[in-house]
Protein backbone atom coordinates (compact mmCIF):
# COMPACT_ATOMS: atom_id res chain seq x y z
CA MET A 1 -11.29 12.32 5.37
CA GLU A 2 -13.52 12.03 8.42
CA GLN A 3 -16.67 12.06 6.36
CA ILE A 4 -15.25 9.47 3.93
CA VAL A 5 -14.30 7.15 6.76
CA LYS A 6 -17.72 7.51 8.39
CA GLN A 7 -19.36 6.59 5.08
CA VAL A 8 -17.12 3.54 4.80
CA VAL A 9 -18.00 2.51 8.32
CA GLU A 10 -21.70 2.48 7.37
CA LEU A 11 -20.89 0.57 4.18
CA SER A 12 -18.93 -1.98 6.18
CA LYS A 13 -21.83 -2.56 8.50
CA GLN A 14 -24.26 -3.03 5.63
CA VAL A 15 -21.99 -5.61 3.93
CA GLY A 16 -21.31 -7.16 7.36
CA GLU A 17 -25.07 -7.76 7.74
CA PHE A 18 -25.07 -9.58 4.39
CA ILE A 19 -22.22 -11.83 5.60
CA ARG A 20 -24.01 -12.45 8.91
CA GLN A 21 -27.16 -13.55 7.21
CA GLU A 22 -25.36 -15.75 4.64
CA ARG A 23 -23.52 -17.53 7.48
CA LYS A 24 -26.91 -18.85 8.77
CA THR A 25 -27.51 -20.87 5.60
CA PHE A 26 -23.94 -21.47 4.41
CA SER A 27 -23.05 -25.07 3.50
CA ALA A 28 -19.67 -26.75 2.74
CA ASP A 29 -20.59 -27.54 -0.85
CA LYS A 30 -20.28 -23.81 -1.59
CA ILE A 31 -16.49 -23.81 -0.85
CA GLU A 32 -13.98 -23.14 -3.61
CA TYR A 33 -10.20 -23.53 -3.53
CA LYS A 34 -7.81 -20.84 -4.80
CA GLY A 35 -4.86 -22.92 -3.72
CA LEU A 36 -3.71 -25.25 -0.96
CA ASN A 37 -5.91 -24.42 2.12
CA ASP A 38 -6.77 -21.09 0.45
CA LEU A 39 -10.58 -21.10 0.68
CA VAL A 40 -13.10 -18.75 -0.90
CA SER A 41 -16.87 -18.76 -1.40
CA TYR A 42 -19.57 -16.76 -3.16
CA VAL A 43 -19.94 -14.78 0.04
CA ASP A 44 -16.39 -13.38 -0.28
CA LYS A 45 -16.86 -12.44 -3.91
CA THR A 46 -20.39 -10.94 -3.44
CA ALA A 47 -19.27 -8.99 -0.37
CA GLU A 48 -16.34 -7.55 -2.34
CA GLN A 49 -18.64 -6.54 -5.20
CA LYS A 50 -20.87 -4.76 -2.76
CA ILE A 51 -17.93 -3.01 -1.15
CA VAL A 52 -16.43 -1.93 -4.45
CA ALA A 53 -19.75 -0.53 -5.66
CA GLY A 54 -20.20 1.37 -2.39
CA LEU A 55 -16.70 2.79 -2.40
CA GLU A 56 -17.08 3.95 -6.04
CA ALA A 57 -20.07 5.99 -4.94
CA ILE A 58 -18.04 7.47 -2.02
CA LEU A 59 -14.85 8.26 -3.88
CA PRO A 60 -15.40 7.84 -7.66
CA GLU A 61 -11.81 8.67 -8.59
CA ALA A 62 -10.25 5.89 -6.53
CA GLY A 63 -8.96 2.55 -7.74
CA PHE A 64 -8.85 -0.82 -6.01
CA ILE A 65 -6.45 -3.48 -4.73
CA THR A 66 -8.75 -6.37 -3.81
CA GLU A 67 -8.31 -9.96 -2.69
CA GLU A 68 -10.88 -11.48 -4.97
CA LYS A 69 -10.01 -9.30 -7.99
CA THR A 70 -13.54 -8.11 -8.64
CA SER A 71 -12.17 -4.79 -9.82
CA THR A 72 -9.06 -4.05 -11.83
CA LYS A 73 -9.41 -0.24 -11.75
CA VAL A 74 -6.15 1.43 -10.59
CA SER A 75 -5.80 5.16 -9.76
CA GLU A 76 -2.70 7.25 -9.60
CA ARG A 77 -3.66 9.04 -6.36
CA TYR A 78 -6.19 7.05 -4.40
CA ASN A 79 -6.64 3.24 -4.11
CA TRP A 80 -8.76 1.20 -1.74
CA ILE A 81 -7.24 -1.99 -0.35
CA ILE A 82 -9.95 -4.53 0.43
CA ASP A 83 -10.38 -7.90 2.12
CA PRO A 84 -14.15 -8.53 2.02
CA LEU A 85 -13.94 -11.45 4.45
CA ASP A 86 -10.77 -11.83 6.45
CA GLY A 87 -11.06 -15.15 8.23
CA THR A 88 -12.81 -17.09 5.44
CA THR A 89 -11.79 -20.43 6.94
CA ASN A 90 -13.38 -19.39 10.26
CA PHE A 91 -16.51 -18.26 8.40
CA ILE A 92 -16.74 -21.59 6.49
CA HIS A 93 -16.34 -23.63 9.70
CA GLY A 94 -18.78 -21.51 11.69
CA LEU A 95 -16.11 -20.05 13.97
CA PRO A 96 -17.22 -16.49 14.88
CA VAL A 97 -14.06 -14.58 14.16
CA PHE A 98 -14.12 -12.88 10.78
CA SER A 99 -14.02 -9.34 9.47
CA ILE A 100 -14.17 -6.85 6.67
CA SER A 101 -10.92 -4.88 6.15
CA ILE A 102 -10.79 -1.65 4.09
CA ALA A 103 -7.87 0.75 3.79
CA LEU A 104 -7.31 3.85 1.71
CA LYS A 105 -3.93 4.62 0.19
CA GLU A 106 -3.05 8.05 -1.14
CA TYR A 107 -0.13 7.69 -3.52
CA ASP A 108 2.16 5.43 -1.43
CA GLU A 109 0.80 6.31 2.06
CA LEU A 110 -1.90 4.58 4.02
CA VAL A 111 -4.26 7.32 5.18
CA ALA A 112 -7.35 5.53 6.52
CA GLY A 113 -8.38 2.12 7.80
CA ILE A 114 -11.66 0.46 8.75
CA ILE A 115 -12.07 -3.06 10.20
CA TYR A 116 -15.56 -4.41 10.96
CA GLU A 117 -15.68 -7.54 13.10
CA VAL A 118 -18.99 -8.94 11.97
CA ASN A 119 -19.91 -11.21 14.94
CA MET A 120 -19.31 -8.77 17.75
CA ASP A 121 -20.65 -5.82 15.69
CA GLU A 122 -17.45 -3.96 16.39
CA CYS A 123 -16.16 -1.37 13.95
CA PHE A 124 -12.57 -0.12 14.38
CA TYR A 125 -11.45 2.80 12.30
CA ALA A 126 -8.89 5.62 12.01
CA TRP A 127 -7.51 8.13 9.62
CA LYS A 128 -4.33 10.08 9.35
CA GLY A 129 -3.97 12.84 11.93
CA ALA A 130 -6.91 11.65 14.15
CA PRO A 131 -7.41 9.13 17.02
CA ALA A 132 -8.49 5.56 16.45
CA TYR A 133 -12.02 4.64 17.29
CA LEU A 134 -14.18 1.58 18.19
CA ASN A 135 -17.84 2.15 17.58
CA GLY A 136 -17.30 5.89 18.07
CA VAL A 137 -15.26 5.66 21.21
CA GLU A 138 -11.57 6.59 21.12
CA ILE A 139 -9.20 3.66 21.65
CA LYS A 140 -5.56 3.37 22.68
CA VAL A 141 -3.02 0.56 22.76
CA SER A 142 -2.31 -1.10 26.09
CA ASN A 143 0.01 0.35 28.73
CA THR A 144 1.44 -3.01 29.68
CA PRO A 145 5.17 -2.33 30.01
CA THR A 146 6.70 -5.80 29.79
CA LEU A 147 6.50 -8.89 27.56
CA GLU A 148 6.08 -11.11 30.62
CA LYS A 149 2.72 -9.47 31.37
CA SER A 150 1.56 -9.37 27.68
CA LEU A 151 -1.00 -11.32 25.66
CA LEU A 152 0.22 -11.87 22.14
CA ALA A 153 -1.43 -12.89 18.88
CA THR A 154 -0.04 -14.55 15.78
CA GLY A 155 -1.05 -16.49 12.68
CA PHE A 156 0.27 -19.73 11.24
CA PRO A 157 1.18 -20.44 7.62
CA TYR A 158 -1.47 -22.45 5.79
CA TYR A 159 0.21 -23.10 2.41
CA ASP A 160 3.92 -21.93 2.51
CA PHE A 161 5.56 -24.16 5.12
CA GLY A 162 9.16 -23.27 4.36
CA LYS A 163 9.65 -21.43 7.67
CA GLN A 164 7.31 -23.58 9.69
CA ASP A 165 9.94 -25.14 12.01
CA ILE A 166 11.56 -21.85 13.10
CA TYR A 167 8.14 -20.26 13.41
CA ILE A 168 7.06 -22.98 15.85
CA GLU A 169 10.35 -22.54 17.79
CA LEU A 170 9.66 -18.83 18.07
CA PHE A 171 6.12 -19.61 19.20
CA ALA A 172 7.37 -21.94 21.92
CA ASP A 173 9.95 -19.44 23.05
CA LEU A 174 7.45 -16.61 23.36
CA MET A 175 4.94 -18.93 25.07
CA ARG A 176 7.33 -19.39 27.97
CA ASN A 177 7.79 -15.67 28.40
CA CYS A 178 4.33 -14.00 28.21
CA HIS A 179 0.79 -14.41 29.48
CA GLY A 180 -0.22 -16.38 26.45
CA LEU A 181 -0.45 -16.57 22.67
CA ARG A 182 -3.66 -16.59 20.59
CA ARG A 183 -4.35 -17.51 16.99
CA LEU A 184 -7.74 -16.10 15.93
CA GLY A 185 -7.50 -16.68 12.22
CA SER A 186 -7.98 -13.03 11.07
CA ALA A 187 -5.00 -10.81 10.93
CA ALA A 188 -7.27 -7.74 10.65
CA VAL A 189 -9.00 -8.68 13.93
CA ASP A 190 -5.62 -9.34 15.60
CA LEU A 191 -4.46 -5.82 14.57
CA ALA A 192 -7.72 -4.18 15.69
CA TYR A 193 -7.43 -5.95 19.07
CA THR A 194 -3.88 -4.74 19.38
CA ALA A 195 -5.02 -1.22 18.71
CA CYS A 196 -7.63 -1.32 21.48
CA GLY A 197 -5.36 -2.97 24.06
CA ARG A 198 -6.72 -6.48 24.08
CA PHE A 199 -3.41 -7.78 22.75
CA GLU A 200 -0.03 -6.21 23.46
CA ALA A 201 1.40 -7.40 20.13
CA PHE A 202 0.65 -9.28 16.98
CA TYR A 203 3.19 -10.82 14.61
CA GLU A 204 2.97 -12.84 11.38
CA TYR A 205 4.77 -13.32 8.08
CA ASN A 206 3.57 -14.07 4.52
CA LEU A 207 0.76 -11.59 4.80
CA ASN A 208 -0.90 -9.70 1.89
CA ALA A 209 -1.64 -6.00 1.71
CA TRP A 210 -5.41 -6.53 2.17
CA ASP A 211 -4.76 -8.54 5.36
CA VAL A 212 -2.97 -5.73 7.16
CA ALA A 213 -3.28 -2.30 5.48
CA ALA A 214 -6.32 -1.12 7.48
CA GLY A 215 -4.92 -2.50 10.75
CA ILE A 216 -1.63 -0.73 10.24
CA VAL A 217 -3.41 2.62 10.13
CA ILE A 218 -5.56 1.86 13.17
CA VAL A 219 -2.73 0.54 15.36
CA LYS A 220 -0.49 3.61 14.56
CA GLN A 221 -3.33 6.10 15.23
CA ALA A 222 -4.09 4.32 18.49
CA GLY A 223 -0.48 4.99 19.58
CA GLY A 224 1.08 1.70 18.65
CA THR A 225 4.13 0.73 16.63
CA VAL A 226 4.20 -1.27 13.37
CA VAL A 227 7.46 -2.62 11.95
CA ASN A 228 8.76 -5.59 9.95
CA PHE A 229 10.86 -8.31 11.48
CA LYS A 230 14.11 -6.23 11.00
CA GLY A 231 12.54 -3.24 12.69
CA GLY A 232 11.94 -1.34 9.47
CA ASP A 233 8.85 0.41 8.20
CA GLU A 234 8.28 -1.73 5.06
CA CYS A 235 5.74 -4.27 6.33
CA ILE A 236 3.61 -4.71 3.23
CA GLU A 237 6.56 -4.99 0.92
CA THR A 238 8.43 -7.51 3.11
CA ARG A 239 5.24 -9.33 4.07
CA GLU A 240 6.48 -9.38 7.69
CA LEU A 241 4.64 -7.51 10.37
CA LEU A 242 5.02 -6.87 14.12
CA ALA A 243 2.44 -4.55 15.67
CA THR A 244 2.88 -3.68 19.39
CA ASN A 245 1.73 -1.24 22.03
CA GLY A 246 5.11 0.51 21.56
CA LYS A 247 6.44 -0.66 24.93
CA ILE A 248 7.45 -4.23 24.08
CA THR A 249 8.63 -3.71 20.50
CA GLU A 250 12.33 -4.20 21.25
CA ASP A 251 11.69 -7.29 23.36
CA MET A 252 9.54 -8.81 20.60
CA LEU A 253 12.14 -7.99 17.95
CA GLY A 254 14.77 -9.68 20.10
CA TYR A 255 12.85 -12.90 20.11
CA ILE A 256 11.83 -12.74 16.41
CA GLN A 257 15.32 -11.97 15.24
CA LYS A 258 16.74 -15.06 17.03
CA TYR A 259 14.81 -17.12 14.42
CA PHE A 260 14.31 -14.79 11.44
CA LYS A 261 17.90 -13.69 10.63
């Protein structure tokens, strides 16, 4: 698995360079809409095609679960879960927080994750049974023991506003009881930053598998905890995720469960 992950790291950097170059000449007339505030461009689609082609060369028997649906191949054992450009809205507006997210699932288990933050040239990666790494250096979650001393990250709904009011109430409640809250616009980056200790926790709902699969692996292998809003393991299925350094999980769940019954 180590060799496979290292090959995917190199592939991510190559595709990241394509994204970085396209950002220099990108214009708003190239934006497409998949739905309300759900933006996409040729950069997302081309990046995904490049990733799929590269992964097929690395592990020919694997299938794909992709955001832009550039491949419909499904495998019984191995499937890659891909977000070619997590943070598309940031990319389109020139905000330098966006990433490539690639995970590998063996049967029903996530076994590897790679997140490449393009602007900072930071590649986070991990595989089952090994530490998590950032550009080759082992990373761990933060040792901060209390919520009051923690920096948190979240994401806001951009098309499904049914839970907007309670989500804002939760946000306000947490804001009064931590060092601060950040909304970067890329769930993959939020998870990577939780894995390396920049954030103590990240929470969000209505997420897709390609948003979080790689980050789940990396956070866990960095010593963190990943649960849904009820404290269970099924984050992708429930589309609710709380990732923490493992020390503030119960405090975070206490706040979340006041609003998400």
